[in-house]
């Protein structure tokens, strides 16, 4: 995990309530693996967002949605 991924991991995990940590960690690890192997694209980001948002604290959903959407906008289809 590079430094940017570590910051994102910490950012997300700080916004995950007790009980959802394992599922969020698994999603994050998968996304980092896909980044490393070149299969991280807009389609994946949408699936990732769809799976991650229900795992977050309600007050964090809007903030995280904006960040993920912004990041995904710079990716190829």
PDB file of N, CA and C in Angstrom:
ATOM      1  N   UNK A   1       0.843  -1.169   0.000  1.00  0.00           N
ATOM      2  CA  UNK A   1       0.000   0.000   0.000  1.00  0.00           C
ATOM      3  C   UNK A   1       0.896   1.243   0.000  1.00  0.00           C
ATOM      4  N   UNK A   2       0.669   2.119  -0.979  1.00  0.00           N
ATOM      5  CA  UNK A   2       1.482   3.327  -1.020  1.00  0.00           C
ATOM      6  C   UNK A   2       0.925   4.373  -0.043  1.00  0.00           C
ATOM      7  N   UNK A   3       1.602   5.498   0.048  1.00  0.00           N
ATOM      8  CA  UNK A   3       1.230   6.519   1.032  1.00  0.00           C
ATOM      9  C   UNK A   3      -0.179   7.084   0.767  1.00  0.00           C
ATOM     10  N   UNK A   4      -0.520   7.327  -0.484  1.00  0.00           N
ATOM     11  CA  UNK A   4      -1.850   7.826  -0.821  1.00  0.00           C
ATOM     12  C   UNK A   4      -2.934   6.822  -0.467  1.00  0.00           C
ATOM     13  N   UNK A   5      -2.672   5.564  -0.746  1.00  0.00           N
ATOM     14  CA  UNK A   5      -3.623   4.516  -0.401  1.00  0.00           C
ATOM     15  C   UNK A   5      -3.774   4.402   1.110  1.00  0.00           C
ATOM     16  N   UNK A   6      -2.679   4.538   1.839  1.00  0.00           N
ATOM     17  CA  UNK A   6      -2.740   4.479   3.301  1.00  0.00           C
ATOM     18  C   UNK A   6      -3.598   5.620   3.852  1.00  0.00           C
ATOM     19  N   UNK A   7      -3.430   6.816   3.292  1.00  0.00           N
ATOM     20  CA  UNK A   7      -4.244   7.963   3.737  1.00  0.00           C
ATOM     21  C   UNK A   7      -5.720   7.722   3.435  1.00  0.00           C
ATOM     22  N   UNK A   8      -6.022   7.201   2.231  1.00  0.00           N
ATOM     23  CA  UNK A   8      -7.405   6.921   1.870  1.00  0.00           C
ATOM     24  C   UNK A   8      -7.977   5.831   2.775  1.00  0.00           C
ATOM     25  N   UNK A   9      -7.195   4.802   3.027  1.00  0.00           N
ATOM     26  CA  UNK A   9      -7.623   3.717   3.915  1.00  0.00           C
ATOM     27  C   UNK A   9      -7.992   4.279   5.290  1.00  0.00           C
ATOM     28  N   UNK A  10      -7.126   5.086   5.857  1.00  0.00           N
ATOM     29  CA  UNK A  10      -7.385   5.672   7.181  1.00  0.00           C
ATOM     30  C   UNK A  10      -8.606   6.584   7.147  1.00  0.00           C
ATOM     31  N   UNK A  11      -8.711   7.382   6.096  1.00  0.00           N
ATOM     32  CA  UNK A  11      -9.841   8.292   5.928  1.00  0.00           C
ATOM     33  C   UNK A  11     -11.161   7.515   5.939  1.00  0.00           C
ATOM     34  N   UNK A  12     -11.227   6.466   5.135  1.00  0.00           N
ATOM     35  CA  UNK A  12     -12.452   5.668   5.060  1.00  0.00           C
ATOM     36  C   UNK A  12     -12.715   4.941   6.372  1.00  0.00           C
ATOM     37  N   UNK A  13     -11.708   4.297   6.914  1.00  0.00           N
ATOM     38  CA  UNK A  13     -11.922   3.518   8.135  1.00  0.00           C
ATOM     39  C   UNK A  13     -12.366   4.398   9.308  1.00  0.00           C
ATOM     40  N   UNK A  14     -11.968   5.660   9.311  1.00  0.00           N
ATOM     41  CA  UNK A  14     -12.430   6.593  10.342  1.00  0.00           C
ATOM     42  C   UNK A  14     -13.922   6.886  10.198  1.00  0.00           C
ATOM     43  N   UNK A  15     -14.492   6.581   9.050  1.00  0.00           N
ATOM     44  CA  UNK A  15     -15.890   6.874   8.772  1.00  0.00           C
ATOM     45  C   UNK A  15     -16.764   5.619   8.731  1.00  0.00           C
ATOM     46  N   UNK A  16     -16.206   4.509   9.160  1.00  0.00           N
ATOM     47  CA  UNK A  16     -16.916   3.234   9.190  1.00  0.00           C
ATOM     48  C   UNK A  16     -17.299   2.923  10.642  1.00  0.00           C
ATOM     49  N   UNK A  17     -18.579   2.660  10.908  1.00  0.00           N
ATOM     50  CA  UNK A  17     -18.971   2.343  12.282  1.00  0.00           C
ATOM     51  C   UNK A  17     -18.540   0.936  12.688  1.00  0.00           C
ATOM     52  N   UNK A  18     -18.517   0.729  13.991  1.00  0.00           N
ATOM     53  CA  UNK A  18     -18.203  -0.594  14.520  1.00  0.00           C
ATOM     54  C   UNK A  18     -19.117  -1.630  13.870  1.00  0.00           C
ATOM     55  N   UNK A  19     -18.526  -2.738  13.501  1.00  0.00           N
ATOM     56  CA  UNK A  19     -19.280  -3.820  12.889  1.00  0.00           C
ATOM     57  C   UNK A  19     -19.125  -3.889  11.378  1.00  0.00           C
ATOM     58  N   UNK A  20     -18.713  -2.798  10.760  1.00  0.00           N
ATOM     59  CA  UNK A  20     -18.537  -2.792   9.309  1.00  0.00           C
ATOM     60  C   UNK A  20     -17.072  -2.756   8.888  1.00  0.00           C
ATOM     61  N   UNK A  21     -16.173  -2.784   9.857  1.00  0.00           N
ATOM     62  CA  UNK A  21     -14.748  -2.646   9.551  1.00  0.00           C
ATOM     63  C   UNK A  21     -14.221  -3.739   8.632  1.00  0.00           C
ATOM     64  N   UNK A  22     -14.588  -4.970   8.870  1.00  0.00           N
ATOM     65  CA  UNK A  22     -14.063  -6.082   8.074  1.00  0.00           C
ATOM     66  C   UNK A  22     -14.491  -5.962   6.614  1.00  0.00           C
ATOM     67  N   UNK A  23     -15.754  -5.670   6.383  1.00  0.00           N
ATOM     68  CA  UNK A  23     -16.251  -5.545   5.012  1.00  0.00           C
ATOM     69  C   UNK A  23     -15.587  -4.357   4.301  1.00  0.00           C
ATOM     70  N   UNK A  24     -15.429  -3.243   5.001  1.00  0.00           N
ATOM     71  CA  UNK A  24     -14.789  -2.067   4.405  1.00  0.00           C
ATOM     72  C   UNK A  24     -13.322  -2.360   4.086  1.00  0.00           C
ATOM     73  N   UNK A  25     -12.642  -3.030   4.996  1.00  0.00           N
ATOM     74  CA  UNK A  25     -11.237  -3.372   4.779  1.00  0.00           C
ATOM     75  C   UNK A  25     -11.088  -4.257   3.543  1.00  0.00           C
ATOM     76  N   UNK A  26     -11.959  -5.229   3.389  1.00  0.00           N
ATOM     77  CA  UNK A  26     -11.919  -6.120   2.235  1.00  0.00           C
ATOM     78  C   UNK A  26     -12.117  -5.338   0.931  1.00  0.00           C
ATOM     79  N   UNK A  27     -13.089  -4.426   0.908  1.00  0.00           N
ATOM     80  CA  UNK A  27     -13.321  -3.608  -0.286  1.00  0.00           C
ATOM     81  C   UNK A  27     -12.113  -2.746  -0.619  1.00  0.00           C
ATOM     82  N   UNK A  28     -11.539  -2.124   0.397  1.00  0.00           N
ATOM     83  CA  UNK A  28     -10.372  -1.266   0.173  1.00  0.00           C
ATOM     84  C   UNK A  28      -9.192  -2.069  -0.344  1.00  0.00           C
ATOM     85  N   UNK A  29      -8.942  -3.219   0.244  1.00  0.00           N
ATOM     86  CA  UNK A  29      -7.836  -4.060  -0.208  1.00  0.00           C
ATOM     87  C   UNK A  29      -8.031  -4.493  -1.660  1.00  0.00           C
ATOM     88  N   UNK A  30      -9.271  -4.833  -2.028  1.00  0.00           N
ATOM     89  CA  UNK A  30      -9.556  -5.205  -3.410  1.00  0.00           C
ATOM     90  C   UNK A  30      -9.293  -4.031  -4.349  1.00  0.00           C
ATOM     91  N   UNK A  31      -9.711  -2.833  -3.937  1.00  0.00           N
ATOM     92  CA  UNK A  31      -9.504  -1.672  -4.808  1.00  0.00           C
ATOM     93  C   UNK A  31      -8.016  -1.385  -4.995  1.00  0.00           C
ATOM     94  N   UNK A  32      -7.222  -1.540  -3.944  1.00  0.00           N
ATOM     95  CA  UNK A  32      -5.784  -1.301  -4.063  1.00  0.00           C
ATOM     96  C   UNK A  32      -5.134  -2.356  -4.953  1.00  0.00           C
ATOM     97  N   UNK A  33      -5.614  -3.591  -4.857  1.00  0.00           N
ATOM     98  CA  UNK A  33      -5.096  -4.661  -5.711  1.00  0.00           C
ATOM     99  C   UNK A  33      -5.421  -4.355  -7.179  1.00  0.00           C
ATOM    100  N   UNK A  34      -6.640  -3.901  -7.429  1.00  0.00           N
ATOM    101  CA  UNK A  34      -7.038  -3.575  -8.798  1.00  0.00           C
ATOM    102  C   UNK A  34      -6.226  -2.395  -9.337  1.00  0.00           C
ATOM    103  N   UNK A  35      -5.905  -1.439  -8.484  1.00  0.00           N
ATOM    104  CA  UNK A  35      -5.049  -0.334  -8.913  1.00  0.00           C
ATOM    105  C   UNK A  35      -3.683  -0.872  -9.338  1.00  0.00           C
ATOM    106  N   UNK A  36      -3.164  -1.799  -8.557  1.00  0.00           N
ATOM    107  CA  UNK A  36      -1.845  -2.363  -8.839  1.00  0.00           C
ATOM    108  C   UNK A  36      -1.827  -3.197 -10.116  1.00  0.00           C
ATOM    109  N   UNK A  37      -2.922  -3.915 -10.374  1.00  0.00           N
ATOM    110  CA  UNK A  37      -2.909  -4.783 -11.553  1.00  0.00           C
ATOM    111  C   UNK A  37      -3.543  -4.147 -12.795  1.00  0.00           C
ATOM    112  N   UNK A  38      -3.940  -2.876 -12.685  1.00  0.00           N
ATOM    113  CA  UNK A  38      -4.426  -2.143 -13.851  1.00  0.00           C
ATOM    114  C   UNK A  38      -5.880  -2.372 -14.219  1.00  0.00           C
ATOM    115  N   UNK A  39      -6.664  -2.947 -13.322  1.00  0.00           N
ATOM    116  CA  UNK A  39      -8.078  -3.195 -13.615  1.00  0.00           C
ATOM    117  C   UNK A  39      -9.002  -2.242 -12.856  1.00  0.00           C
ATOM    118  N   UNK A  40      -8.462  -1.158 -12.378  1.00  0.00           N
ATOM    119  CA  UNK A  40      -9.213  -0.145 -11.638  1.00  0.00           C
ATOM    120  C   UNK A  40      -9.684   0.906 -12.645  1.00  0.00           C
ATOM    121  N   UNK A  41     -10.994   0.899 -12.953  1.00  0.00           N
ATOM    122  CA  UNK A  41     -11.542   1.820 -13.938  1.00  0.00           C
ATOM    123  C   UNK A  41     -12.855   2.421 -13.427  1.00  0.00           C
ATOM    124  N   UNK A  42     -13.496   3.251 -14.268  1.00  0.00           N
ATOM    125  CA  UNK A  42     -14.739   3.917 -13.847  1.00  0.00           C
ATOM    126  C   UNK A  42     -15.820   2.912 -13.459  1.00  0.00           C
ATOM    127  N   UNK A  43     -15.950   1.864 -14.221  1.00  0.00           N
ATOM    128  CA  UNK A  43     -16.972   0.855 -13.924  1.00  0.00           C
ATOM    129  C   UNK A  43     -16.732   0.245 -12.548  1.00  0.00           C
ATOM    130  N   UNK A  44     -15.485  -0.050 -12.247  1.00  0.00           N
ATOM    131  CA  UNK A  44     -15.167  -0.610 -10.932  1.00  0.00           C
ATOM    132  C   UNK A  44     -15.446   0.408  -9.832  1.00  0.00           C
ATOM    133  N   UNK A  45     -15.101   1.678 -10.063  1.00  0.00           N
ATOM    134  CA  UNK A  45     -15.323   2.717  -9.049  1.00  0.00           C
ATOM    135  C   UNK A  45     -16.808   2.795  -8.695  1.00  0.00           C
ATOM    136  N   UNK A  46     -17.676   2.687  -9.682  1.00  0.00           N
ATOM    137  CA  UNK A  46     -19.120   2.728  -9.414  1.00  0.00           C
ATOM    138  C   UNK A  46     -19.549   1.530  -8.563  1.00  0.00           C
ATOM    139  N   UNK A  47     -19.038   0.357  -8.884  1.00  0.00           N
ATOM    140  CA  UNK A  47     -19.356  -0.832  -8.083  1.00  0.00           C
ATOM    141  C   UNK A  47     -18.812  -0.686  -6.664  1.00  0.00           C
ATOM    142  N   UNK A  48     -17.586  -0.183  -6.563  1.00  0.00           N
ATOM    143  CA  UNK A  48     -16.945   0.031  -5.267  1.00  0.00           C
ATOM    144  C   UNK A  48     -17.783   0.997  -4.427  1.00  0.00           C
ATOM    145  N   UNK A  49     -18.189   2.109  -5.022  1.00  0.00           N
ATOM    146  CA  UNK A  49     -18.979   3.114  -4.312  1.00  0.00           C
ATOM    147  C   UNK A  49     -20.297   2.502  -3.836  1.00  0.00           C
ATOM    148  N   UNK A  50     -20.958   1.755  -4.707  1.00  0.00           N
ATOM    149  CA  UNK A  50     -22.233   1.111  -4.380  1.00  0.00           C
ATOM    150  C   UNK A  50     -22.097   0.172  -3.172  1.00  0.00           C
ATOM    151  N   UNK A  51     -20.972  -0.521  -3.080  1.00  0.00           N
ATOM    152  CA  UNK A  51     -20.733  -1.443  -1.970  1.00  0.00           C
ATOM    153  C   UNK A  51     -20.257  -0.734  -0.709  1.00  0.00           C
ATOM    154  N   UNK A  52     -19.462   0.331  -0.864  1.00  0.00           N
ATOM    155  CA  UNK A  52     -18.868   1.002   0.280  1.00  0.00           C
ATOM    156  C   UNK A  52     -19.843   1.908   1.027  1.00  0.00           C
ATOM    157  N   UNK A  53     -20.645   2.654   0.310  1.00  0.00           N
ATOM    158  CA  UNK A  53     -21.490   3.662   0.956  1.00  0.00           C
ATOM    159  C   UNK A  53     -22.380   3.110   2.063  1.00  0.00           C
ATOM    160  N   UNK A  54     -23.006   1.934   1.904  1.00  0.00           N
ATOM    161  CA  UNK A  54     -23.827   1.411   2.996  1.00  0.00           C
ATOM    162  C   UNK A  54     -23.025   1.031   4.258  1.00  0.00           C
ATOM    163  N   UNK A  55     -21.720   0.923   4.116  1.00  0.00           N
ATOM    164  CA  UNK A  55     -20.877   0.547   5.252  1.00  0.00           C
ATOM    165  C   UNK A  55     -20.448   1.754   6.086  1.00  0.00           C
ATOM    166  N   UNK A  56     -20.725   2.953   5.604  1.00  0.00           N
ATOM    167  CA  UNK A  56     -20.258   4.181   6.256  1.00  0.00           C
ATOM    168  C   UNK A  56     -21.246   4.696   7.291  1.00  0.00           C
ATOM    169  N   UNK A  57     -20.734   5.537   8.168  1.00  0.00           N
ATOM    170  CA  UNK A  57     -21.602   6.276   9.083  1.00  0.00           C
ATOM    171  C   UNK A  57     -22.465   7.192   8.214  1.00  0.00           C
ATOM    172  N   UNK A  58     -23.739   7.346   8.543  1.00  0.00           N
ATOM    173  CA  UNK A  58     -24.629   8.162   7.708  1.00  0.00           C
ATOM    174  C   UNK A  58     -24.106   9.573   7.441  1.00  0.00           C
ATOM    175  N   UNK A  59     -23.496  10.175   8.419  1.00  0.00           N
ATOM    176  CA  UNK A  59     -23.000  11.544   8.258  1.00  0.00           C
ATOM    177  C   UNK A  59     -21.778  11.633   7.340  1.00  0.00           C
ATOM    178  N   UNK A  60     -21.183  10.510   6.976  1.00  0.00           N
ATOM    179  CA  UNK A  60     -19.995  10.510   6.121  1.00  0.00           C
ATOM    180  C   UNK A  60     -20.311  10.216   4.658  1.00  0.00           C
ATOM    181  N   UNK A  61     -21.518   9.777   4.366  1.00  0.00           N
ATOM    182  CA  UNK A  61     -21.856   9.325   3.017  1.00  0.00           C
ATOM    183  C   UNK A  61     -21.670  10.432   1.975  1.00  0.00           C
ATOM    184  N   UNK A  62     -22.165  11.616   2.237  1.00  0.00           N
ATOM    185  CA  UNK A  62     -22.068  12.698   1.256  1.00  0.00           C
ATOM    186  C   UNK A  62     -20.611  13.064   0.968  1.00  0.00           C
ATOM    187  N   UNK A  63     -19.811  13.169   2.014  1.00  0.00           N
ATOM    188  CA  UNK A  63     -18.396  13.518   1.865  1.00  0.00           C
ATOM    189  C   UNK A  63     -17.651  12.463   1.050  1.00  0.00           C
ATOM    190  N   UNK A  64     -17.851  11.212   1.378  1.00  0.00           N
ATOM    191  CA  UNK A  64     -17.155  10.122   0.690  1.00  0.00           C
ATOM    192  C   UNK A  64     -17.650   9.993  -0.752  1.00  0.00           C
ATOM    193  N   UNK A  65     -18.936  10.179  -0.966  1.00  0.00           N
ATOM    194  CA  UNK A  65     -19.475  10.133  -2.321  1.00  0.00           C
ATOM    195  C   UNK A  65     -18.796  11.170  -3.207  1.00  0.00           C
ATOM    196  N   UNK A  66     -18.654  12.378  -2.705  1.00  0.00           N
ATOM    197  CA  UNK A  66     -18.014  13.451  -3.473  1.00  0.00           C
ATOM    198  C   UNK A  66     -16.569  13.102  -3.812  1.00  0.00           C
ATOM    199  N   UNK A  67     -15.850  12.544  -2.867  1.00  0.00           N
ATOM    200  CA  UNK A  67     -14.448  12.191  -3.087  1.00  0.00           C
ATOM    201  C   UNK A  67     -14.323  11.070  -4.123  1.00  0.00           C
ATOM    202  N   UNK A  68     -15.116  10.037  -3.974  1.00  0.00           N
ATOM    203  CA  UNK A  68     -15.043   8.901  -4.901  1.00  0.00           C
ATOM    204  C   UNK A  68     -15.477   9.333  -6.298  1.00  0.00           C
ATOM    205  N   UNK A  69     -16.529  10.128  -6.387  1.00  0.00           N
ATOM    206  CA  UNK A  69     -17.014  10.593  -7.680  1.00  0.00           C
ATOM    207  C   UNK A  69     -15.941  11.453  -8.365  1.00  0.00           C
ATOM    208  N   UNK A  70     -15.319  12.326  -7.621  1.00  0.00           N
ATOM    209  CA  UNK A  70     -14.270  13.159  -8.170  1.00  0.00           C
ATOM    210  C   UNK A  70     -13.087  12.348  -8.658  1.00  0.00           C
ATOM    211  N   UNK A  71     -12.699  11.361  -7.883  1.00  0.00           N
ATOM    212  CA  UNK A  71     -11.591  10.490  -8.276  1.00  0.00           C
ATOM    213  C   UNK A  71     -11.948   9.702  -9.523  1.00  0.00           C
ATOM    214  N   UNK A  72     -13.152   9.159  -9.553  1.00  0.00           N
ATOM    215  CA  UNK A  72     -13.592   8.345 -10.682  1.00  0.00           C
ATOM    216  C   UNK A  72     -13.701   9.132 -11.975  1.00  0.00           C
ATOM    217  N   UNK A  73     -13.961  10.424 -11.870  1.00  0.00           N
ATOM    218  CA  UNK A  73     -14.108  11.256 -13.066  1.00  0.00           C
ATOM    219  C   UNK A  73     -12.810  11.321 -13.875  1.00  0.00           C
ATOM    220  N   UNK A  74     -11.683  11.126 -13.225  1.00  0.00           N
ATOM    221  CA  UNK A  74     -10.402  11.185 -13.914  1.00  0.00           C
ATOM    222  C   UNK A  74      -9.950   9.867 -14.505  1.00  0.00           C
ATOM    223  N   UNK A  75     -10.761   8.845 -14.392  1.00  0.00           N
ATOM    224  CA  UNK A  75     -10.384   7.514 -14.876  1.00  0.00           C
ATOM    225  C   UNK A  75     -10.966   7.225 -16.259  1.00  0.00           C
ATOM    226  N   UNK A  76     -10.330   6.315 -16.952  1.00  0.00           N
ATOM    227  CA  UNK A  76     -10.845   5.844 -18.232  1.00  0.00           C
ATOM    228  C   UNK A  76     -12.041   4.933 -17.987  1.00  0.00           C
ATOM    229  N   UNK A  77     -12.859   4.788 -19.004  1.00  0.00           N
ATOM    230  CA  UNK A  77     -14.017   3.893 -18.885  1.00  0.00           C
ATOM    231  C   UNK A  77     -13.519   2.519 -18.767  1.00  0.00           C
TER     232      UNK A  77
END
